[in-house]
Amino acid sequence: MTAAVEWLLLTRPGCHLCEEFLQSLSGRLPSQGVHIRTACVDDRAEWKSVYGRRIPVLLDGAGHLLYSADGGEATSLEQLLHVFTTSD
């Protein structure tokens, strides 16, 4: 059994795109194995300067970019979900 994975979703109050992303992501992940925390991108100056115009942004437990609304260097959502939806 693998350890649970924790991801951080950076959002902002009232961000409808962020709410839709979280709902879509939550509905497509297995109920066990992935925990998603949310935080306001404006809570930390570094987050705001790097990701403030890119939300929703999904970071792994080490703070590495997994997904952002603008694409950028992040993994596509489909590639990310593939890891958790394929069986061994």
N, C-alpha and C. Protein backbone atom coordinates (compact mmCIF):
# COMPACT_ATOMS: atom_id res chain seq x y z
N MET A 1 0.85 -1.19 0.00
CA MET A 1 0.00 0.00 0.00
C MET A 1 0.89 1.25 0.00
N THR A 2 0.58 2.20 -0.85
CA THR A 2 1.38 3.41 -0.93
C THR A 2 0.87 4.46 0.05
N ALA A 3 1.76 5.33 0.44
CA ALA A 3 1.40 6.40 1.38
C ALA A 3 0.50 7.41 0.69
N ALA A 4 -0.29 8.08 1.48
CA ALA A 4 -1.17 9.12 0.95
C ALA A 4 -0.34 10.26 0.39
N VAL A 5 -0.85 10.87 -0.67
CA VAL A 5 -0.21 12.00 -1.32
C VAL A 5 -0.96 13.25 -0.91
N GLU A 6 -0.22 14.32 -0.61
CA GLU A 6 -0.86 15.58 -0.26
C GLU A 6 -0.53 16.63 -1.31
N TRP A 7 -1.56 17.28 -1.81
CA TRP A 7 -1.41 18.36 -2.78
C TRP A 7 -1.99 19.63 -2.18
N LEU A 8 -1.50 20.76 -2.66
CA LEU A 8 -1.98 22.07 -2.21
C LEU A 8 -2.55 22.81 -3.41
N LEU A 9 -3.81 23.19 -3.31
CA LEU A 9 -4.46 23.97 -4.36
C LEU A 9 -4.48 25.43 -3.94
N LEU A 10 -3.81 26.27 -4.71
CA LEU A 10 -3.82 27.71 -4.46
C LEU A 10 -4.98 28.32 -5.21
N THR A 11 -5.76 29.09 -4.50
CA THR A 11 -6.99 29.66 -5.02
C THR A 11 -7.17 31.06 -4.45
N ARG A 12 -8.32 31.62 -4.66
CA ARG A 12 -8.70 32.92 -4.09
C ARG A 12 -10.20 32.86 -3.79
N PRO A 13 -10.65 33.55 -2.76
CA PRO A 13 -12.10 33.59 -2.50
C PRO A 13 -12.84 34.12 -3.73
N GLY A 14 -13.90 33.44 -4.08
CA GLY A 14 -14.72 33.86 -5.20
C GLY A 14 -14.20 33.45 -6.56
N CYS A 15 -13.14 32.66 -6.62
CA CYS A 15 -12.59 32.20 -7.90
C CYS A 15 -13.42 31.01 -8.39
N HIS A 16 -14.32 31.27 -9.31
CA HIS A 16 -15.20 30.21 -9.80
C HIS A 16 -14.43 29.15 -10.58
N LEU A 17 -13.39 29.56 -11.29
CA LEU A 17 -12.56 28.60 -12.02
C LEU A 17 -11.88 27.65 -11.03
N CYS A 18 -11.44 28.19 -9.90
CA CYS A 18 -10.80 27.36 -8.86
C CYS A 18 -11.79 26.38 -8.26
N GLU A 19 -12.99 26.84 -7.99
CA GLU A 19 -14.03 25.97 -7.43
C GLU A 19 -14.37 24.84 -8.38
N GLU A 20 -14.50 25.16 -9.67
CA GLU A 20 -14.80 24.15 -10.68
C GLU A 20 -13.66 23.16 -10.82
N PHE A 21 -12.42 23.66 -10.78
CA PHE A 21 -11.25 22.79 -10.88
C PHE A 21 -11.23 21.81 -9.71
N LEU A 22 -11.42 22.30 -8.50
CA LEU A 22 -11.41 21.44 -7.32
C LEU A 22 -12.51 20.39 -7.39
N GLN A 23 -13.67 20.79 -7.80
CA GLN A 23 -14.79 19.85 -7.92
C GLN A 23 -14.46 18.77 -8.96
N SER A 24 -13.95 19.18 -10.10
CA SER A 24 -13.59 18.23 -11.15
C SER A 24 -12.48 17.29 -10.69
N LEU A 25 -11.46 17.85 -10.08
CA LEU A 25 -10.33 17.06 -9.60
C LEU A 25 -10.78 16.07 -8.54
N SER A 26 -11.54 16.53 -7.57
CA SER A 26 -12.00 15.67 -6.48
C SER A 26 -12.86 14.52 -7.00
N GLY A 27 -13.66 14.81 -8.00
CA GLY A 27 -14.53 13.79 -8.57
C GLY A 27 -13.80 12.75 -9.39
N ARG A 28 -12.59 13.03 -9.79
CA ARG A 28 -11.84 12.11 -10.65
C ARG A 28 -10.72 11.38 -9.94
N LEU A 29 -10.46 11.72 -8.70
CA LEU A 29 -9.43 11.04 -7.92
C LEU A 29 -10.04 9.95 -7.08
N PRO A 30 -9.27 8.92 -6.78
CA PRO A 30 -9.80 7.89 -5.88
C PRO A 30 -10.06 8.48 -4.50
N SER A 31 -10.99 7.89 -3.79
CA SER A 31 -11.35 8.43 -2.47
C SER A 31 -10.23 8.28 -1.46
N GLN A 32 -9.33 7.35 -1.66
CA GLN A 32 -8.18 7.14 -0.78
C GLN A 32 -6.91 7.49 -1.54
N GLY A 33 -5.90 7.97 -0.85
CA GLY A 33 -4.60 8.13 -1.46
C GLY A 33 -4.18 9.54 -1.79
N VAL A 34 -5.13 10.46 -2.00
CA VAL A 34 -4.78 11.83 -2.31
C VAL A 34 -5.59 12.77 -1.42
N HIS A 35 -4.87 13.66 -0.75
CA HIS A 35 -5.52 14.67 0.10
C HIS A 35 -5.20 16.03 -0.51
N ILE A 36 -6.24 16.82 -0.74
CA ILE A 36 -6.05 18.16 -1.32
C ILE A 36 -6.39 19.21 -0.28
N ARG A 37 -5.39 20.03 0.06
CA ARG A 37 -5.61 21.19 0.92
C ARG A 37 -5.77 22.40 0.02
N THR A 38 -6.47 23.40 0.50
CA THR A 38 -6.58 24.65 -0.25
C THR A 38 -6.01 25.79 0.58
N ALA A 39 -5.48 26.77 -0.12
CA ALA A 39 -4.95 27.97 0.53
C ALA A 39 -5.12 29.14 -0.43
N CYS A 40 -5.25 30.33 0.13
CA CYS A 40 -5.36 31.53 -0.69
C CYS A 40 -3.98 31.91 -1.21
N VAL A 41 -3.88 32.11 -2.50
CA VAL A 41 -2.61 32.47 -3.13
C VAL A 41 -2.05 33.77 -2.58
N ASP A 42 -2.91 34.62 -2.04
CA ASP A 42 -2.48 35.91 -1.50
C ASP A 42 -1.92 35.82 -0.08
N ASP A 43 -2.00 34.63 0.55
CA ASP A 43 -1.53 34.47 1.93
C ASP A 43 -0.02 34.58 2.07
N ARG A 44 0.71 34.29 1.01
CA ARG A 44 2.17 34.38 1.05
C ARG A 44 2.65 35.21 -0.13
N ALA A 45 3.56 36.12 0.14
CA ALA A 45 4.07 37.01 -0.92
C ALA A 45 4.67 36.22 -2.08
N GLU A 46 5.39 35.14 -1.77
CA GLU A 46 6.00 34.33 -2.83
C GLU A 46 4.95 33.70 -3.72
N TRP A 47 3.92 33.11 -3.11
CA TRP A 47 2.84 32.52 -3.91
C TRP A 47 2.20 33.58 -4.79
N LYS A 48 1.91 34.73 -4.20
CA LYS A 48 1.22 35.79 -4.94
C LYS A 48 2.05 36.25 -6.13
N SER A 49 3.36 36.44 -5.93
CA SER A 49 4.19 36.94 -7.03
C SER A 49 4.40 35.89 -8.13
N VAL A 50 4.52 34.63 -7.75
CA VAL A 50 4.78 33.58 -8.73
C VAL A 50 3.51 33.05 -9.38
N TYR A 51 2.45 32.86 -8.58
CA TYR A 51 1.26 32.17 -9.07
C TYR A 51 -0.01 33.03 -9.09
N GLY A 52 0.06 34.27 -8.64
CA GLY A 52 -1.13 35.08 -8.47
C GLY A 52 -2.02 35.22 -9.68
N ARG A 53 -1.43 35.22 -10.87
CA ARG A 53 -2.22 35.35 -12.10
C ARG A 53 -2.44 34.02 -12.81
N ARG A 54 -2.08 32.94 -12.13
CA ARG A 54 -2.13 31.61 -12.77
C ARG A 54 -3.14 30.67 -12.13
N ILE A 55 -3.90 31.12 -11.14
CA ILE A 55 -4.77 30.21 -10.40
C ILE A 55 -5.89 29.67 -11.29
N PRO A 56 -6.35 28.46 -11.00
CA PRO A 56 -5.92 27.59 -9.92
C PRO A 56 -4.53 27.01 -10.18
N VAL A 57 -3.80 26.81 -9.10
CA VAL A 57 -2.46 26.22 -9.14
C VAL A 57 -2.43 25.06 -8.16
N LEU A 58 -1.90 23.94 -8.62
CA LEU A 58 -1.80 22.75 -7.79
C LEU A 58 -0.32 22.44 -7.57
N LEU A 59 0.07 22.34 -6.30
CA LEU A 59 1.45 22.04 -5.92
C LEU A 59 1.51 20.70 -5.21
N ASP A 60 2.63 20.00 -5.37
CA ASP A 60 2.78 18.75 -4.62
C ASP A 60 3.26 19.07 -3.21
N GLY A 61 3.46 18.04 -2.41
CA GLY A 61 3.84 18.24 -1.01
C GLY A 61 5.17 18.95 -0.82
N ALA A 62 6.03 18.91 -1.84
CA ALA A 62 7.32 19.59 -1.77
C ALA A 62 7.27 21.00 -2.36
N GLY A 63 6.08 21.41 -2.82
CA GLY A 63 5.93 22.74 -3.38
C GLY A 63 6.21 22.83 -4.87
N HIS A 64 6.35 21.69 -5.54
CA HIS A 64 6.59 21.68 -6.97
C HIS A 64 5.28 21.84 -7.74
N LEU A 65 5.31 22.59 -8.79
CA LEU A 65 4.13 22.86 -9.61
C LEU A 65 3.67 21.60 -10.32
N LEU A 66 2.40 21.23 -10.10
CA LEU A 66 1.79 20.10 -10.79
C LEU A 66 0.86 20.57 -11.90
N TYR A 67 0.16 21.67 -11.65
CA TYR A 67 -0.84 22.17 -12.60
C TYR A 67 -1.07 23.65 -12.37
N SER A 68 -1.26 24.38 -13.45
CA SER A 68 -1.71 25.77 -13.34
C SER A 68 -2.65 26.06 -14.49
N ALA A 69 -3.50 27.03 -14.31
CA ALA A 69 -4.50 27.35 -15.32
C ALA A 69 -3.88 27.76 -16.65
N ASP A 70 -2.68 28.34 -16.60
CA ASP A 70 -2.04 28.78 -17.83
C ASP A 70 -1.16 27.71 -18.47
N GLY A 71 -1.11 26.53 -17.88
CA GLY A 71 -0.28 25.47 -18.45
C GLY A 71 1.15 25.60 -18.01
N GLY A 72 1.88 26.45 -18.68
CA GLY A 72 3.29 26.64 -18.33
C GLY A 72 4.06 25.34 -18.35
N GLU A 73 4.93 25.17 -17.39
CA GLU A 73 5.76 23.97 -17.34
C GLU A 73 5.10 22.83 -16.58
N ALA A 74 3.89 23.01 -16.14
CA ALA A 74 3.21 22.00 -15.33
C ALA A 74 2.79 20.79 -16.16
N THR A 75 2.63 19.69 -15.46
CA THR A 75 2.08 18.48 -16.04
C THR A 75 0.62 18.73 -16.39
N SER A 76 0.15 18.14 -17.48
CA SER A 76 -1.26 18.29 -17.80
C SER A 76 -2.09 17.55 -16.77
N LEU A 77 -3.29 18.01 -16.57
CA LEU A 77 -4.18 17.39 -15.60
C LEU A 77 -4.42 15.92 -15.96
N GLU A 78 -4.55 15.64 -17.23
CA GLU A 78 -4.79 14.25 -17.66
C GLU A 78 -3.60 13.36 -17.30
N GLN A 79 -2.37 13.84 -17.49
CA GLN A 79 -1.19 13.05 -17.12
C GLN A 79 -1.15 12.83 -15.61
N LEU A 80 -1.48 13.86 -14.88
CA LEU A 80 -1.48 13.79 -13.43
C LEU A 80 -2.48 12.76 -12.93
N LEU A 81 -3.68 12.80 -13.46
CA LEU A 81 -4.73 11.89 -13.03
C LEU A 81 -4.46 10.45 -13.46
N HIS A 82 -3.74 10.29 -14.56
CA HIS A 82 -3.44 8.95 -15.07
C HIS A 82 -2.73 8.11 -14.02
N VAL A 83 -1.86 8.70 -13.25
CA VAL A 83 -1.11 8.01 -12.21
C VAL A 83 -2.05 7.38 -11.19
N PHE A 84 -3.15 8.07 -10.89
CA PHE A 84 -4.06 7.62 -9.83
C PHE A 84 -5.25 6.82 -10.33
N THR A 85 -5.42 6.75 -11.63
CA THR A 85 -6.59 6.05 -12.15
C THR A 85 -6.25 4.77 -12.88
N THR A 86 -4.97 4.45 -13.04
CA THR A 86 -4.58 3.21 -13.69
C THR A 86 -4.31 2.17 -12.62
N SER A 87 -4.69 0.97 -12.91
CA SER A 87 -4.47 -0.11 -11.93
C SER A 87 -3.13 -0.77 -12.18
N ASP A 88 -2.61 -1.41 -11.14
CA ASP A 88 -1.31 -2.10 -11.24
C ASP A 88 -1.45 -3.38 -12.03
